[in-house]
């Protein structure tokens, strides 16, 4: 498990080091697996469903007008496939133009960053 985290950390760092306008910094990889006692609304930021077909929903407890929530979706080789800014507490990203596979979701709010693996599938 440590090997996977280390490998993904190196991959994310190398991907972010070449991306613009972001500066590389440490990011936390989070996989959200909600059990029967933990509701998705208990988290400040939620990404669902994962895996997804075409639409990925990003839900955040708060949106501050003075702090941008920048969202990037990167392909597994580090190429930028989507860049947007969250304006509402709930945002649906249309990823229907992307092929099946693994992607990296990177969300930056001020100095805070969150990185998560997402998987796009064609079936239920």
C-alpha atoms as a PDB file:
ATOM      1  CA  UNK A   1       0.000   0.000   0.000  1.00  0.00           C
ATOM      2  CA  UNK A   2       2.842   2.380   0.863  1.00  0.00           C
ATOM      3  CA  UNK A   3       4.372   1.652  -2.560  1.00  0.00           C
ATOM      4  CA  UNK A   4       1.121   2.682  -4.296  1.00  0.00           C
ATOM      5  CA  UNK A   5       0.868   5.900  -2.290  1.00  0.00           C
ATOM      6  CA  UNK A   6       4.522   6.741  -2.952  1.00  0.00           C
ATOM      7  CA  UNK A   7       4.162   6.011  -6.679  1.00  0.00           C
ATOM      8  CA  UNK A   8       0.978   8.082  -6.959  1.00  0.00           C
ATOM      9  CA  UNK A   9       2.598  10.904  -4.969  1.00  0.00           C
ATOM     10  CA  UNK A  10       5.555  10.979  -7.373  1.00  0.00           C
ATOM     11  CA  UNK A  11       3.167  10.855 -10.344  1.00  0.00           C
ATOM     12  CA  UNK A  12       1.044  13.705  -8.984  1.00  0.00           C
ATOM     13  CA  UNK A  13       4.104  15.788  -8.150  1.00  0.00           C
ATOM     14  CA  UNK A  14       5.565  15.326 -11.629  1.00  0.00           C
ATOM     15  CA  UNK A  15       2.195  16.119 -13.227  1.00  0.00           C
ATOM     16  CA  UNK A  16       1.676  19.232 -11.155  1.00  0.00           C
ATOM     17  CA  UNK A  17       5.242  20.459 -11.607  1.00  0.00           C
ATOM     18  CA  UNK A  18       4.610  20.902 -15.347  1.00  0.00           C
ATOM     19  CA  UNK A  19       1.066  22.308 -15.061  1.00  0.00           C
ATOM     20  CA  UNK A  20       0.280  25.995 -15.270  1.00  0.00           C
ATOM     21  CA  UNK A  21      -0.736  28.244 -13.466  1.00  0.00           C
ATOM     22  CA  UNK A  22      -0.374  26.009 -10.417  1.00  0.00           C
ATOM     23  CA  UNK A  23       2.827  25.692  -8.424  1.00  0.00           C
ATOM     24  CA  UNK A  24       3.736  22.224  -7.219  1.00  0.00           C
ATOM     25  CA  UNK A  25       3.016  21.506  -3.576  1.00  0.00           C
ATOM     26  CA  UNK A  26       2.044  18.598  -1.418  1.00  0.00           C
ATOM     27  CA  UNK A  27      -1.426  17.206  -2.034  1.00  0.00           C
ATOM     28  CA  UNK A  28      -3.477  14.695  -0.121  1.00  0.00           C
ATOM     29  CA  UNK A  29      -4.907  11.650  -1.894  1.00  0.00           C
ATOM     30  CA  UNK A  30      -8.317  10.781  -0.548  1.00  0.00           C
ATOM     31  CA  UNK A  31     -10.584   7.910  -1.542  1.00  0.00           C
ATOM     32  CA  UNK A  32     -14.077   8.437  -0.187  1.00  0.00           C
ATOM     33  CA  UNK A  33     -15.693   5.189   0.921  1.00  0.00           C
ATOM     34  CA  UNK A  34     -18.778   5.935   2.980  1.00  0.00           C
ATOM     35  CA  UNK A  35     -20.015   3.251   5.330  1.00  0.00           C
ATOM     36  CA  UNK A  36     -23.489   2.981   6.835  1.00  0.00           C
ATOM     37  CA  UNK A  37     -22.604   5.338   9.715  1.00  0.00           C
ATOM     38  CA  UNK A  38     -20.842   8.051   7.699  1.00  0.00           C
ATOM     39  CA  UNK A  39     -22.923  10.223   5.426  1.00  0.00           C
ATOM     40  CA  UNK A  40     -21.405  12.090   2.477  1.00  0.00           C
ATOM     41  CA  UNK A  41     -22.727  15.361   3.974  1.00  0.00           C
ATOM     42  CA  UNK A  42     -20.393  14.904   6.975  1.00  0.00           C
ATOM     43  CA  UNK A  43     -17.399  15.818   4.790  1.00  0.00           C
ATOM     44  CA  UNK A  44     -16.571  19.407   3.788  1.00  0.00           C
ATOM     45  CA  UNK A  45     -15.937  18.294   0.186  1.00  0.00           C
ATOM     46  CA  UNK A  46     -17.390  15.276  -1.605  1.00  0.00           C
ATOM     47  CA  UNK A  47     -16.844  13.828  -5.066  1.00  0.00           C
ATOM     48  CA  UNK A  48     -19.341  11.234  -6.311  1.00  0.00           C
ATOM     49  CA  UNK A  49     -20.138   8.811  -7.825  1.00  0.00           C
ATOM     50  CA  UNK A  50     -16.803   7.117  -8.155  1.00  0.00           C
ATOM     51  CA  UNK A  51     -16.603   5.225 -10.474  1.00  0.00           C
ATOM     52  CA  UNK A  52     -18.821   7.344 -12.716  1.00  0.00           C
ATOM     53  CA  UNK A  53     -20.211   7.139 -16.238  1.00  0.00           C
ATOM     54  CA  UNK A  54     -20.413  10.668 -17.676  1.00  0.00           C
ATOM     55  CA  UNK A  55     -21.251  13.082 -14.836  1.00  0.00           C
ATOM     56  CA  UNK A  56     -19.083  13.667 -11.772  1.00  0.00           C
ATOM     57  CA  UNK A  57     -20.637  15.675  -8.941  1.00  0.00           C
ATOM     58  CA  UNK A  58     -18.554  17.854  -6.635  1.00  0.00           C
ATOM     59  CA  UNK A  59     -20.325  18.972  -3.467  1.00  0.00           C
ATOM     60  CA  UNK A  60     -18.808  21.387  -0.975  1.00  0.00           C
ATOM     61  CA  UNK A  61     -20.210  22.547   2.323  1.00  0.00           C
ATOM     62  CA  UNK A  62     -19.231  26.162   1.716  1.00  0.00           C
ATOM     63  CA  UNK A  63     -18.333  28.418  -1.196  1.00  0.00           C
ATOM     64  CA  UNK A  64     -16.635  31.674  -0.236  1.00  0.00           C
ATOM     65  CA  UNK A  65     -16.823  34.407  -2.876  1.00  0.00           C
ATOM     66  CA  UNK A  66     -13.346  35.652  -1.966  1.00  0.00           C
ATOM     67  CA  UNK A  67     -11.673  32.218  -2.341  1.00  0.00           C
ATOM     68  CA  UNK A  68     -11.673  30.401  -5.684  1.00  0.00           C
ATOM     69  CA  UNK A  69     -12.235  26.656  -5.845  1.00  0.00           C
ATOM     70  CA  UNK A  70     -10.173  25.669  -8.889  1.00  0.00           C
ATOM     71  CA  UNK A  71     -10.801  22.208 -10.338  1.00  0.00           C
ATOM     72  CA  UNK A  72      -8.574  20.292 -12.734  1.00  0.00           C
ATOM     73  CA  UNK A  73      -9.036  16.828 -14.166  1.00  0.00           C
ATOM     74  CA  UNK A  74      -5.803  15.218 -15.364  1.00  0.00           C
ATOM     75  CA  UNK A  75      -5.372  12.131 -17.505  1.00  0.00           C
ATOM     76  CA  UNK A  76      -3.285   9.330 -16.058  1.00  0.00           C
ATOM     77  CA  UNK A  77      -0.260  10.548 -18.024  1.00  0.00           C
ATOM     78  CA  UNK A  78      -0.655  14.064 -16.582  1.00  0.00           C
ATOM     79  CA  UNK A  79      -2.352  15.891 -19.449  1.00  0.00           C
ATOM     80  CA  UNK A  80      -4.972  18.470 -18.474  1.00  0.00           C
ATOM     81  CA  UNK A  81      -8.406  17.370 -19.759  1.00  0.00           C
ATOM     82  CA  UNK A  82     -10.655  19.820 -17.868  1.00  0.00           C
ATOM     83  CA  UNK A  83     -10.177  23.043 -15.919  1.00  0.00           C
ATOM     84  CA  UNK A  84     -12.994  24.954 -14.215  1.00  0.00           C
ATOM     85  CA  UNK A  85     -13.922  26.943 -11.111  1.00  0.00           C
ATOM     86  CA  UNK A  86     -16.646  25.935  -8.656  1.00  0.00           C
ATOM     87  CA  UNK A  87     -19.272  28.640  -8.318  1.00  0.00           C
ATOM     88  CA  UNK A  88     -21.998  26.697  -6.475  1.00  0.00           C
ATOM     89  CA  UNK A  89     -22.090  24.274  -3.566  1.00  0.00           C
ATOM     90  CA  UNK A  90     -22.949  21.469  -5.996  1.00  0.00           C
ATOM     91  CA  UNK A  91     -21.355  21.249  -9.440  1.00  0.00           C
ATOM     92  CA  UNK A  92     -21.831  18.557 -12.074  1.00  0.00           C
ATOM     93  CA  UNK A  93     -18.863  18.029 -14.395  1.00  0.00           C
ATOM     94  CA  UNK A  94     -19.709  16.545 -17.796  1.00  0.00           C
ATOM     95  CA  UNK A  95     -16.913  14.109 -18.600  1.00  0.00           C
ATOM     96  CA  UNK A  96     -18.750  12.302 -21.410  1.00  0.00           C
ATOM     97  CA  UNK A  97     -16.059  13.362 -23.914  1.00  0.00           C
ATOM     98  CA  UNK A  98     -13.408  11.335 -22.063  1.00  0.00           C
ATOM     99  CA  UNK A  99     -12.607   7.654 -22.717  1.00  0.00           C
ATOM    100  CA  UNK A 100     -12.924   5.045 -19.970  1.00  0.00           C
ATOM    101  CA  UNK A 101     -10.078   4.914 -17.517  1.00  0.00           C
ATOM    102  CA  UNK A 102      -8.439   6.480 -14.485  1.00  0.00           C
ATOM    103  CA  UNK A 103      -8.129  10.223 -13.961  1.00  0.00           C
ATOM    104  CA  UNK A 104      -6.805  12.506 -11.242  1.00  0.00           C
ATOM    105  CA  UNK A 105      -9.123  15.153  -9.821  1.00  0.00           C
ATOM    106  CA  UNK A 106      -7.281  18.104  -8.272  1.00  0.00           C
ATOM    107  CA  UNK A 107      -9.177  20.774  -6.336  1.00  0.00           C
ATOM    108  CA  UNK A 108      -7.470  23.852  -4.962  1.00  0.00           C
ATOM    109  CA  UNK A 109      -9.119  26.308  -2.558  1.00  0.00           C
ATOM    110  CA  UNK A 110      -6.725  29.041  -1.566  1.00  0.00           C
ATOM    111  CA  UNK A 111      -3.729  27.221  -0.087  1.00  0.00           C
ATOM    112  CA  UNK A 112      -5.666  23.986   0.538  1.00  0.00           C
ATOM    113  CA  UNK A 113      -5.480  21.200  -2.033  1.00  0.00           C
ATOM    114  CA  UNK A 114      -7.219  17.859  -2.471  1.00  0.00           C
ATOM    115  CA  UNK A 115      -6.327  15.198  -4.999  1.00  0.00           C
ATOM    116  CA  UNK A 116      -8.394  12.100  -5.684  1.00  0.00           C
ATOM    117  CA  UNK A 117      -8.371   9.265  -8.203  1.00  0.00           C
ATOM    118  CA  UNK A 118     -11.554   8.960 -10.214  1.00  0.00           C
ATOM    119  CA  UNK A 119     -12.576   6.221 -12.618  1.00  0.00           C
ATOM    120  CA  UNK A 120     -14.737   6.633 -15.696  1.00  0.00           C
ATOM    121  CA  UNK A 121     -16.638   3.558 -16.867  1.00  0.00           C
ATOM    122  CA  UNK A 122     -19.190   2.940 -19.602  1.00  0.00           C
ATOM    123  CA  UNK A 123     -21.587   0.749 -17.630  1.00  0.00           C
ATOM    124  CA  UNK A 124     -23.489   0.850 -14.352  1.00  0.00           C
END
